[in-house]
């Protein structure tokens, strides 16, 4: 009698389609630069890609989406509070008395 097949354990993200994304798609979805992605991978904070060929890698979409979800969950929430706007010489508004009308 054959052993009973184990039921497939569905992950929390089983509703997401599994795709493989190249670096350009990962950059687009995460809004990180390529160098930021590789630095995060080196620090073991970003999922590692799957080797597709000698010089080709791709990231499982569900792992990248999990990273995005975790980032959002850990990001601080709330208003920006008081934001200091930097003063630069070209951002100052001149009083109307200084501006000469065109001739």
Protein backbone atom coordinates (compact mmCIF):
# COMPACT_ATOMS: atom_id res chain seq x y z
CA UNK A 1 0.00 0.00 0.00
CA UNK A 2 1.57 3.32 -1.02
CA UNK A 3 2.17 5.90 1.65
CA UNK A 4 -0.35 8.69 1.85
CA UNK A 5 0.81 11.79 0.05
CA UNK A 6 1.56 14.71 2.29
CA UNK A 7 -0.73 17.65 1.67
CA UNK A 8 1.01 20.55 0.02
CA UNK A 9 1.73 23.15 2.65
CA UNK A 10 0.69 26.51 1.36
CA UNK A 11 2.83 29.42 2.34
CA UNK A 12 1.38 32.67 3.56
CA UNK A 13 1.93 34.03 0.05
CA UNK A 14 0.42 31.18 -1.93
CA UNK A 15 -1.98 33.68 -3.49
CA UNK A 16 0.93 35.38 -5.25
CA UNK A 17 1.93 34.14 -8.66
CA UNK A 18 5.44 32.74 -8.69
CA UNK A 19 7.55 34.41 -11.30
CA UNK A 20 11.26 35.01 -11.73
CA UNK A 21 12.23 38.66 -12.00
CA UNK A 22 15.43 40.02 -13.49
CA UNK A 23 17.37 42.81 -11.79
CA UNK A 24 15.53 45.52 -13.73
CA UNK A 25 12.13 44.30 -12.52
CA UNK A 26 13.43 44.01 -8.93
CA UNK A 27 14.80 47.58 -9.11
CA UNK A 28 11.43 48.76 -10.46
CA UNK A 29 9.38 46.99 -7.78
CA UNK A 30 11.59 47.86 -4.78
CA UNK A 31 12.73 51.34 -5.91
CA UNK A 32 16.22 50.35 -4.74
CA UNK A 33 19.26 50.78 -6.95
CA UNK A 34 21.22 47.76 -8.17
CA UNK A 35 24.09 48.62 -5.84
CA UNK A 36 21.69 48.89 -2.87
CA UNK A 37 20.21 45.48 -3.70
CA UNK A 38 23.63 43.83 -3.88
CA UNK A 39 24.75 45.56 -0.66
CA UNK A 40 21.62 44.31 1.12
CA UNK A 41 22.28 40.81 -0.23
CA UNK A 42 25.83 40.96 1.10
CA UNK A 43 24.45 41.94 4.52
CA UNK A 44 21.94 39.07 4.21
CA UNK A 45 19.00 41.48 4.35
CA UNK A 46 17.67 40.82 0.83
CA UNK A 47 16.74 37.53 -0.85
CA UNK A 48 19.39 35.84 -2.96
CA UNK A 49 18.71 35.25 -6.66
CA UNK A 50 18.41 31.92 -8.43
CA UNK A 51 21.16 31.05 -10.90
CA UNK A 52 19.55 30.76 -14.35
CA UNK A 53 22.70 30.33 -16.42
CA UNK A 54 26.39 31.14 -16.41
CA UNK A 55 25.77 34.88 -16.27
CA UNK A 56 22.07 35.12 -15.56
CA UNK A 57 20.21 35.34 -12.26
CA UNK A 58 16.60 36.02 -11.30
CA UNK A 59 14.74 36.61 -8.07
CA UNK A 60 11.60 34.70 -7.11
CA UNK A 61 8.83 37.30 -7.14
CA UNK A 62 7.24 36.03 -3.92
CA UNK A 63 10.54 36.51 -2.02
CA UNK A 64 10.92 40.07 -3.29
CA UNK A 65 7.29 40.84 -2.42
CA UNK A 66 7.86 39.34 1.06
CA UNK A 67 10.85 41.68 1.50
CA UNK A 68 8.70 44.66 0.49
CA UNK A 69 5.95 43.61 2.93
CA UNK A 70 8.45 43.23 5.78
CA UNK A 71 9.99 46.60 4.97
CA UNK A 72 6.58 48.30 5.02
CA UNK A 73 5.63 46.58 8.29
CA UNK A 74 8.83 47.78 9.99
CA UNK A 75 8.77 51.32 8.56
CA UNK A 76 7.85 54.12 10.97
CA UNK A 77 4.35 55.48 10.55
CA UNK A 78 2.82 58.85 11.14
CA UNK A 79 3.17 62.36 9.87
CA UNK A 80 6.40 63.93 8.88
CA UNK A 81 6.15 66.48 11.65
CA UNK A 82 7.97 69.74 11.12
CA UNK A 83 10.20 69.51 8.11
CA UNK A 84 12.99 72.04 7.75
CA UNK A 85 13.17 73.43 4.25
CA UNK A 86 16.77 74.25 3.40
CA UNK A 87 17.48 77.88 2.62
CA UNK A 88 19.43 78.51 -0.52
CA UNK A 89 20.16 81.82 -2.23
CA UNK A 90 18.07 80.88 -5.26
CA UNK A 91 15.05 79.76 -3.19
CA UNK A 92 14.49 83.10 -1.47
CA UNK A 93 11.58 85.13 -2.70
CA UNK A 94 12.39 88.70 -3.53
CA UNK A 95 10.03 91.39 -2.30
CA UNK A 96 7.82 92.92 -4.98
CA UNK A 97 9.55 96.29 -4.56
CA UNK A 98 12.86 94.80 -5.76
CA UNK A 99 11.45 93.20 -8.90
CA UNK A 100 11.42 95.64 -11.75
CA UNK A 101 8.57 95.47 -14.23
CA UNK A 102 9.54 94.50 -17.80
CA UNK A 103 9.98 97.40 -20.20
